[in-house]
């Protein structure tokens, strides 16, 4: 969840920062601005990718036991019919 927060925070900073950035200017200023914009996009994309492709949580032992018990009860009800 914190990766999603970081991504939105970076988007917010980029939104407010773009209002003060001018791409037109001398060549060094343009290269600097474009490199920082590229870095910001990588940071935002990395945080969203981490949020989307995070490993799934494993089920706890209690959840597995309850699931197995429910399957056994279901099988018992089906055999009684």
PDB file of N, CA and C in Angstrom:
ATOM      1  N   UNK A   1       0.813  -1.182   0.000  1.00  0.00           N
ATOM      2  CA  UNK A   1       0.000   0.000   0.000  1.00  0.00           C
ATOM      3  C   UNK A   1       0.866   1.258   0.000  1.00  0.00           C
ATOM      4  N   UNK A   2       2.028   1.168   0.651  1.00  0.00           N
ATOM      5  CA  UNK A   2       2.852   2.376   0.710  1.00  0.00           C
ATOM      6  C   UNK A   2       3.449   2.709  -0.658  1.00  0.00           C
ATOM      7  N   UNK A   3       3.623   1.712  -1.537  1.00  0.00           N
ATOM      8  CA  UNK A   3       4.112   2.005  -2.887  1.00  0.00           C
ATOM      9  C   UNK A   3       3.103   2.835  -3.662  1.00  0.00           C
ATOM     10  N   UNK A   4       1.848   2.556  -3.470  1.00  0.00           N
ATOM     11  CA  UNK A   4       0.800   3.338  -4.120  1.00  0.00           C
ATOM     12  C   UNK A   4       0.801   4.766  -3.585  1.00  0.00           C
ATOM     13  N   UNK A   5       1.012   4.913  -2.295  1.00  0.00           N
ATOM     14  CA  UNK A   5       1.099   6.248  -1.698  1.00  0.00           C
ATOM     15  C   UNK A   5       2.293   7.014  -2.263  1.00  0.00           C
ATOM     16  N   UNK A   6       3.436   6.340  -2.389  1.00  0.00           N
ATOM     17  CA  UNK A   6       4.628   6.988  -2.939  1.00  0.00           C
ATOM     18  C   UNK A   6       4.413   7.391  -4.399  1.00  0.00           C
ATOM     19  N   UNK A   7       3.727   6.567  -5.158  1.00  0.00           N
ATOM     20  CA  UNK A   7       3.472   6.883  -6.561  1.00  0.00           C
ATOM     21  C   UNK A   7       2.569   8.110  -6.674  1.00  0.00           C
ATOM     22  N   UNK A   8       1.524   8.162  -5.868  1.00  0.00           N
ATOM     23  CA  UNK A   8       0.639   9.324  -5.912  1.00  0.00           C
ATOM     24  C   UNK A   8       1.333  10.583  -5.399  1.00  0.00           C
ATOM     25  N   UNK A   9       2.195  10.432  -4.420  1.00  0.00           N
ATOM     26  CA  UNK A   9       2.964  11.573  -3.924  1.00  0.00           C
ATOM     27  C   UNK A   9       3.910  12.094  -5.007  1.00  0.00           C
ATOM     28  N   UNK A  10       4.542  11.187  -5.732  1.00  0.00           N
ATOM     29  CA  UNK A  10       5.422  11.595  -6.825  1.00  0.00           C
ATOM     30  C   UNK A  10       4.629  12.257  -7.948  1.00  0.00           C
ATOM     31  N   UNK A  11       3.445  11.740  -8.248  1.00  0.00           N
ATOM     32  CA  UNK A  11       2.590  12.376  -9.253  1.00  0.00           C
ATOM     33  C   UNK A  11       2.179  13.781  -8.825  1.00  0.00           C
ATOM     34  N   UNK A  12       1.861  13.945  -7.560  1.00  0.00           N
ATOM     35  CA  UNK A  12       1.476  15.250  -7.033  1.00  0.00           C
ATOM     36  C   UNK A  12       2.637  16.235  -7.125  1.00  0.00           C
ATOM     37  N   UNK A  13       3.834  15.782  -6.750  1.00  0.00           N
ATOM     38  CA  UNK A  13       5.007  16.652  -6.845  1.00  0.00           C
ATOM     39  C   UNK A  13       5.310  17.001  -8.295  1.00  0.00           C
ATOM     40  N   UNK A  14       5.150  16.051  -9.194  1.00  0.00           N
ATOM     41  CA  UNK A  14       5.376  16.312 -10.607  1.00  0.00           C
ATOM     42  C   UNK A  14       4.353  17.305 -11.148  1.00  0.00           C
ATOM     43  N   UNK A  15       3.112  17.177 -10.710  1.00  0.00           N
ATOM     44  CA  UNK A  15       2.067  18.097 -11.157  1.00  0.00           C
ATOM     45  C   UNK A  15       2.395  19.539 -10.759  1.00  0.00           C
ATOM     46  N   UNK A  16       2.774  19.732  -9.510  1.00  0.00           N
ATOM     47  CA  UNK A  16       3.090  21.092  -9.065  1.00  0.00           C
ATOM     48  C   UNK A  16       4.431  21.569  -9.614  1.00  0.00           C
ATOM     49  N   UNK A  17       5.350  20.662  -9.855  1.00  0.00           N
ATOM     50  CA  UNK A  17       6.651  21.045 -10.388  1.00  0.00           C
ATOM     51  C   UNK A  17       6.597  21.430 -11.854  1.00  0.00           C
ATOM     52  N   UNK A  18       5.705  20.809 -12.621  1.00  0.00           N
ATOM     53  CA  UNK A  18       5.601  21.115 -14.044  1.00  0.00           C
ATOM     54  C   UNK A  18       5.142  22.548 -14.299  1.00  0.00           C
ATOM     55  N   UNK A  19       4.495  23.141 -13.341  1.00  0.00           N
ATOM     56  CA  UNK A  19       4.048  24.521 -13.505  1.00  0.00           C
ATOM     57  C   UNK A  19       5.222  25.495 -13.494  1.00  0.00           C
ATOM     58  N   UNK A  20       6.322  25.126 -12.868  1.00  0.00           N
ATOM     59  CA  UNK A  20       7.474  26.014 -12.752  1.00  0.00           C
ATOM     60  C   UNK A  20       8.611  25.656 -13.700  1.00  0.00           C
ATOM     61  N   UNK A  21       8.489  24.557 -14.423  1.00  0.00           N
ATOM     62  CA  UNK A  21       9.561  24.106 -15.307  1.00  0.00           C
ATOM     63  C   UNK A  21       9.353  24.702 -16.696  1.00  0.00           C
ATOM     64  N   UNK A  22      10.437  25.226 -17.260  1.00  0.00           N
ATOM     65  CA  UNK A  22      10.385  25.685 -18.657  1.00  0.00           C
ATOM     66  C   UNK A  22      11.342  24.828 -19.468  1.00  0.00           C
ATOM     67  N   UNK A  23      10.822  24.229 -20.514  1.00  0.00           N
ATOM     68  CA  UNK A  23      11.647  23.372 -21.361  1.00  0.00           C
ATOM     69  C   UNK A  23      12.455  24.213 -22.349  1.00  0.00           C
ATOM     70  N   UNK A  24      11.926  25.370 -22.702  1.00  0.00           N
ATOM     71  CA  UNK A  24      12.663  26.236 -23.620  1.00  0.00           C
ATOM     72  C   UNK A  24      13.751  26.969 -22.845  1.00  0.00           C
ATOM     73  N   UNK A  25      14.877  27.101 -23.433  1.00  0.00           N
ATOM     74  CA  UNK A  25      16.010  27.762 -22.804  1.00  0.00           C
ATOM     75  C   UNK A  25      17.275  27.295 -23.483  1.00  0.00           C
ATOM     76  N   UNK A  26      18.393  27.465 -22.778  1.00  0.00           N
ATOM     77  CA  UNK A  26      19.630  26.987 -23.394  1.00  0.00           C
ATOM     78  C   UNK A  26      19.673  25.462 -23.357  1.00  0.00           C
ATOM     79  N   UNK A  27      20.637  24.888 -24.025  1.00  0.00           N
ATOM     80  CA  UNK A  27      20.690  23.433 -24.220  1.00  0.00           C
ATOM     81  C   UNK A  27      20.900  22.694 -22.904  1.00  0.00           C
ATOM     82  N   UNK A  28      21.739  23.209 -22.020  1.00  0.00           N
ATOM     83  CA  UNK A  28      21.994  22.532 -20.737  1.00  0.00           C
ATOM     84  C   UNK A  28      20.731  22.499 -19.874  1.00  0.00           C
ATOM     85  N   UNK A  29      19.989  23.583 -19.867  1.00  0.00           N
ATOM     86  CA  UNK A  29      18.764  23.633 -19.080  1.00  0.00           C
ATOM     87  C   UNK A  29      17.739  22.643 -19.630  1.00  0.00           C
ATOM     88  N   UNK A  30      17.621  22.544 -20.918  1.00  0.00           N
ATOM     89  CA  UNK A  30      16.675  21.617 -21.540  1.00  0.00           C
ATOM     90  C   UNK A  30      17.042  20.173 -21.234  1.00  0.00           C
ATOM     91  N   UNK A  31      18.331  19.839 -21.331  1.00  0.00           N
ATOM     92  CA  UNK A  31      18.777  18.473 -21.025  1.00  0.00           C
ATOM     93  C   UNK A  31      18.517  18.148 -19.563  1.00  0.00           C
ATOM     94  N   UNK A  32      18.780  19.088 -18.680  1.00  0.00           N
ATOM     95  CA  UNK A  32      18.564  18.873 -17.254  1.00  0.00           C
ATOM     96  C   UNK A  32      17.082  18.641 -16.960  1.00  0.00           C
ATOM     97  N   UNK A  33      16.221  19.477 -17.520  1.00  0.00           N
ATOM     98  CA  UNK A  33      14.777  19.352 -17.275  1.00  0.00           C
ATOM     99  C   UNK A  33      14.249  18.023 -17.825  1.00  0.00           C
ATOM    100  N   UNK A  34      14.651  17.674 -19.022  1.00  0.00           N
ATOM    101  CA  UNK A  34      14.159  16.421 -19.613  1.00  0.00           C
ATOM    102  C   UNK A  34      14.678  15.199 -18.859  1.00  0.00           C
ATOM    103  N   UNK A  35      15.908  15.262 -18.356  1.00  0.00           N
ATOM    104  CA  UNK A  35      16.424  14.130 -17.585  1.00  0.00           C
ATOM    105  C   UNK A  35      15.671  13.974 -16.265  1.00  0.00           C
ATOM    106  N   UNK A  36      15.316  15.071 -15.617  1.00  0.00           N
ATOM    107  CA  UNK A  36      14.556  14.982 -14.378  1.00  0.00           C
ATOM    108  C   UNK A  36      13.131  14.511 -14.632  1.00  0.00           C
ATOM    109  N   UNK A  37      12.538  14.925 -15.736  1.00  0.00           N
ATOM    110  CA  UNK A  37      11.204  14.429 -16.069  1.00  0.00           C
ATOM    111  C   UNK A  37      11.225  12.931 -16.347  1.00  0.00           C
ATOM    112  N   UNK A  38      12.264  12.478 -17.033  1.00  0.00           N
ATOM    113  CA  UNK A  38      12.421  11.054 -17.301  1.00  0.00           C
ATOM    114  C   UNK A  38      12.597  10.272 -15.992  1.00  0.00           C
ATOM    115  N   UNK A  39      13.403  10.795 -15.092  1.00  0.00           N
ATOM    116  CA  UNK A  39      13.602  10.150 -13.789  1.00  0.00           C
ATOM    117  C   UNK A  39      12.295  10.094 -13.000  1.00  0.00           C
ATOM    118  N   UNK A  40      11.530  11.180 -13.033  1.00  0.00           N
ATOM    119  CA  UNK A  40      10.249  11.203 -12.311  1.00  0.00           C
ATOM    120  C   UNK A  40       9.292  10.159 -12.874  1.00  0.00           C
ATOM    121  N   UNK A  41       9.271  10.002 -14.180  1.00  0.00           N
ATOM    122  CA  UNK A  41       8.390   9.006 -14.797  1.00  0.00           C
ATOM    123  C   UNK A  41       8.833   7.587 -14.416  1.00  0.00           C
ATOM    124  N   UNK A  42      10.128   7.354 -14.349  1.00  0.00           N
ATOM    125  CA  UNK A  42      10.627   6.044 -13.920  1.00  0.00           C
ATOM    126  C   UNK A  42      10.255   5.750 -12.468  1.00  0.00           C
ATOM    127  N   UNK A  43      10.352   6.750 -11.605  1.00  0.00           N
ATOM    128  CA  UNK A  43       9.997   6.565 -10.196  1.00  0.00           C
ATOM    129  C   UNK A  43       8.514   6.233 -10.066  1.00  0.00           C
ATOM    130  N   UNK A  44       7.680   6.970 -10.753  1.00  0.00           N
ATOM    131  CA  UNK A  44       6.242   6.731 -10.691  1.00  0.00           C
ATOM    132  C   UNK A  44       5.906   5.353 -11.266  1.00  0.00           C
ATOM    133  N   UNK A  45       6.484   5.023 -12.401  1.00  0.00           N
ATOM    134  CA  UNK A  45       6.231   3.718 -13.009  1.00  0.00           C
ATOM    135  C   UNK A  45       6.729   2.573 -12.150  1.00  0.00           C
ATOM    136  N   UNK A  46       7.875   2.749 -11.520  1.00  0.00           N
ATOM    137  CA  UNK A  46       8.401   1.701 -10.646  1.00  0.00           C
ATOM    138  C   UNK A  46       7.519   1.458  -9.440  1.00  0.00           C
ATOM    139  N   UNK A  47       6.996   2.518  -8.857  1.00  0.00           N
ATOM    140  CA  UNK A  47       6.112   2.354  -7.708  1.00  0.00           C
ATOM    141  C   UNK A  47       4.796   1.692  -8.104  1.00  0.00           C
ATOM    142  N   UNK A  48       4.248   2.077  -9.246  1.00  0.00           N
ATOM    143  CA  UNK A  48       3.025   1.412  -9.704  1.00  0.00           C
ATOM    144  C   UNK A  48       3.289  -0.053 -10.045  1.00  0.00           C
ATOM    145  N   UNK A  49       4.427  -0.344 -10.655  1.00  0.00           N
ATOM    146  CA  UNK A  49       4.754  -1.735 -10.992  1.00  0.00           C
ATOM    147  C   UNK A  49       4.925  -2.570  -9.725  1.00  0.00           C
ATOM    148  N   UNK A  50       5.566  -2.010  -8.713  1.00  0.00           N
ATOM    149  CA  UNK A  50       5.730  -2.727  -7.447  1.00  0.00           C
ATOM    150  C   UNK A  50       4.376  -2.995  -6.807  1.00  0.00           C
ATOM    151  N   UNK A  51       3.468  -2.040  -6.920  1.00  0.00           N
ATOM    152  CA  UNK A  51       2.135  -2.227  -6.361  1.00  0.00           C
ATOM    153  C   UNK A  51       1.364  -3.305  -7.130  1.00  0.00           C
ATOM    154  N   UNK A  52       1.477  -3.302  -8.456  1.00  0.00           N
ATOM    155  CA  UNK A  52       0.716  -4.247  -9.260  1.00  0.00           C
ATOM    156  C   UNK A  52       1.273  -5.659  -9.217  1.00  0.00           C
ATOM    157  N   UNK A  53       2.584  -5.805  -9.145  1.00  0.00           N
ATOM    158  CA  UNK A  53       3.213  -7.125  -9.241  1.00  0.00           C
ATOM    159  C   UNK A  53       3.802  -7.611  -7.933  1.00  0.00           C
ATOM    160  N   UNK A  54       3.277  -7.157  -6.819  1.00  0.00           N
ATOM    161  CA  UNK A  54       3.782  -7.625  -5.525  1.00  0.00           C
ATOM    162  C   UNK A  54       3.387  -9.083  -5.324  1.00  0.00           C
ATOM    163  N   UNK A  55       4.166  -9.828  -4.555  1.00  0.00           N
ATOM    164  CA  UNK A  55       3.823 -11.245  -4.341  1.00  0.00           C
ATOM    165  C   UNK A  55       2.537 -11.370  -3.528  1.00  0.00           C
ATOM    166  N   UNK A  56       1.817 -12.410  -3.833  1.00  0.00           N
ATOM    167  CA  UNK A  56       0.565 -12.635  -3.124  1.00  0.00           C
ATOM    168  C   UNK A  56       0.848 -13.122  -1.714  1.00  0.00           C
ATOM    169  N   UNK A  57      -0.045 -12.746  -0.808  1.00  0.00           N
ATOM    170  CA  UNK A  57       0.108 -13.197   0.570  1.00  0.00           C
ATOM    171  C   UNK A  57      -0.247 -14.672   0.675  1.00  0.00           C
ATOM    172  N   UNK A  58       0.470 -15.377   1.513  1.00  0.00           N
ATOM    173  CA  UNK A  58       0.164 -16.782   1.729  1.00  0.00           C
ATOM    174  C   UNK A  58      -0.934 -16.897   2.787  1.00  0.00           C
ATOM    175  N   UNK A  59      -1.702 -17.929   2.678  1.00  0.00           N
ATOM    176  CA  UNK A  59      -2.782 -18.147   3.622  1.00  0.00           C
ATOM    177  C   UNK A  59      -2.203 -18.620   4.949  1.00  0.00           C
ATOM    178  N   UNK A  60      -2.798 -18.180   6.029  1.00  0.00           N
ATOM    179  CA  UNK A  60      -2.332 -18.602   7.339  1.00  0.00           C
ATOM    180  C   UNK A  60      -2.775 -20.046   7.599  1.00  0.00           C
ATOM    181  N   UNK A  61      -2.155 -20.664   8.573  1.00  0.00           N
ATOM    182  CA  UNK A  61      -2.469 -22.063   8.900  1.00  0.00           C
ATOM    183  C   UNK A  61      -3.919 -22.194   9.339  1.00  0.00           C
ATOM    184  N   UNK A  62      -4.427 -21.198  10.024  1.00  0.00           N
ATOM    185  CA  UNK A  62      -5.812 -21.240  10.482  1.00  0.00           C
ATOM    186  C   UNK A  62      -6.781 -21.199   9.298  1.00  0.00           C
ATOM    187  N   UNK A  63      -6.473 -20.384   8.285  1.00  0.00           N
ATOM    188  CA  UNK A  63      -7.334 -20.310   7.113  1.00  0.00           C
ATOM    189  C   UNK A  63      -7.327 -21.628   6.343  1.00  0.00           C
ATOM    190  N   UNK A  64      -6.145 -22.243   6.228  1.00  0.00           N
ATOM    191  CA  UNK A  64      -6.044 -23.521   5.522  1.00  0.00           C
ATOM    192  C   UNK A  64      -6.825 -24.594   6.263  1.00  0.00           C
ATOM    193  N   UNK A  65      -6.709 -24.623   7.578  1.00  0.00           N
ATOM    194  CA  UNK A  65      -7.424 -25.614   8.378  1.00  0.00           C
ATOM    195  C   UNK A  65      -8.936 -25.428   8.248  1.00  0.00           C
ATOM    196  N   UNK A  66      -9.411 -24.198   8.292  1.00  0.00           N
ATOM    197  CA  UNK A  66     -10.843 -23.937   8.169  1.00  0.00           C
ATOM    198  C   UNK A  66     -11.344 -24.326   6.788  1.00  0.00           C
ATOM    199  N   UNK A  67     -10.537 -24.094   5.766  1.00  0.00           N
ATOM    200  CA  UNK A  67     -10.933 -24.467   4.401  1.00  0.00           C
ATOM    201  C   UNK A  67     -11.036 -25.985   4.273  1.00  0.00           C
ATOM    202  N   UNK A  68     -10.060 -26.701   4.805  1.00  0.00           N
ATOM    203  CA  UNK A  68     -10.095 -28.167   4.739  1.00  0.00           C
ATOM    204  C   UNK A  68     -11.286 -28.724   5.495  1.00  0.00           C
ATOM    205  N   UNK A  69     -11.604 -28.139   6.649  1.00  0.00           N
ATOM    206  CA  UNK A  69     -12.749 -28.609   7.422  1.00  0.00           C
ATOM    207  C   UNK A  69     -14.054 -28.359   6.663  1.00  0.00           C
ATOM    208  N   UNK A  70     -14.139 -27.227   5.997  1.00  0.00           N
ATOM    209  CA  UNK A  70     -15.365 -26.947   5.236  1.00  0.00           C
ATOM    210  C   UNK A  70     -15.508 -27.919   4.064  1.00  0.00           C
ATOM    211  N   UNK A  71     -14.393 -28.298   3.445  1.00  0.00           N
ATOM    212  CA  UNK A  71     -14.452 -29.295   2.373  1.00  0.00           C
ATOM    213  C   UNK A  71     -14.895 -30.649   2.898  1.00  0.00           C
ATOM    214  N   UNK A  72     -14.398 -31.036   4.078  1.00  0.00           N
ATOM    215  CA  UNK A  72     -14.789 -32.319   4.662  1.00  0.00           C
ATOM    216  C   UNK A  72     -16.277 -32.330   4.990  1.00  0.00           C
ATOM    217  N   UNK A  73     -16.787 -31.229   5.563  1.00  0.00           N
ATOM    218  CA  UNK A  73     -18.210 -31.152   5.874  1.00  0.00           C
ATOM    219  C   UNK A  73     -19.054 -31.220   4.605  1.00  0.00           C
ATOM    220  N   UNK A  74     -18.597 -30.592   3.565  1.00  0.00           N
ATOM    221  CA  UNK A  74     -19.325 -30.617   2.299  1.00  0.00           C
ATOM    222  C   UNK A  74     -19.373 -32.030   1.729  1.00  0.00           C
ATOM    223  N   UNK A  75     -18.239 -32.747   1.802  1.00  0.00           N
ATOM    224  CA  UNK A  75     -18.204 -34.130   1.315  1.00  0.00           C
ATOM    225  C   UNK A  75     -19.126 -35.014   2.151  1.00  0.00           C
ATOM    226  N   UNK A  76     -19.147 -34.804   3.464  1.00  0.00           N
ATOM    227  CA  UNK A  76     -20.020 -35.608   4.335  1.00  0.00           C
ATOM    228  C   UNK A  76     -21.493 -35.370   4.000  1.00  0.00           C
ATOM    229  N   UNK A  77     -21.855 -34.129   3.737  1.00  0.00           N
ATOM    230  CA  UNK A  77     -23.249 -33.821   3.385  1.00  0.00           C
ATOM    231  C   UNK A  77     -23.619 -34.460   2.052  1.00  0.00           C
ATOM    232  N   UNK A  78     -22.663 -34.512   1.123  1.00  0.00           N
ATOM    233  CA  UNK A  78     -22.965 -35.090  -0.180  1.00  0.00           C
ATOM    234  C   UNK A  78     -23.114 -36.614  -0.078  1.00  0.00           C
ATOM    235  N   UNK A  79     -22.339 -37.248   0.796  1.00  0.00           N
ATOM    236  CA  UNK A  79     -22.450 -38.707   0.939  1.00  0.00           C
ATOM    237  C   UNK A  79     -23.709 -39.104   1.685  1.00  0.00           C
ATOM    238  N   UNK A  80     -24.276 -38.240   2.502  1.00  0.00           N
ATOM    239  CA  UNK A  80     -25.498 -38.548   3.250  1.00  0.00           C
ATOM    240  C   UNK A  80     -26.717 -38.530   2.353  1.00  0.00           C
ATOM    241  N   UNK A  81     -26.643 -37.870   1.242  1.00  0.00           N
ATOM    242  CA  UNK A  81     -27.808 -37.759   0.367  1.00  0.00           C
ATOM    243  C   UNK A  81     -28.104 -39.028  -0.322  1.00  0.00           C
TER     244      UNK A  81
END
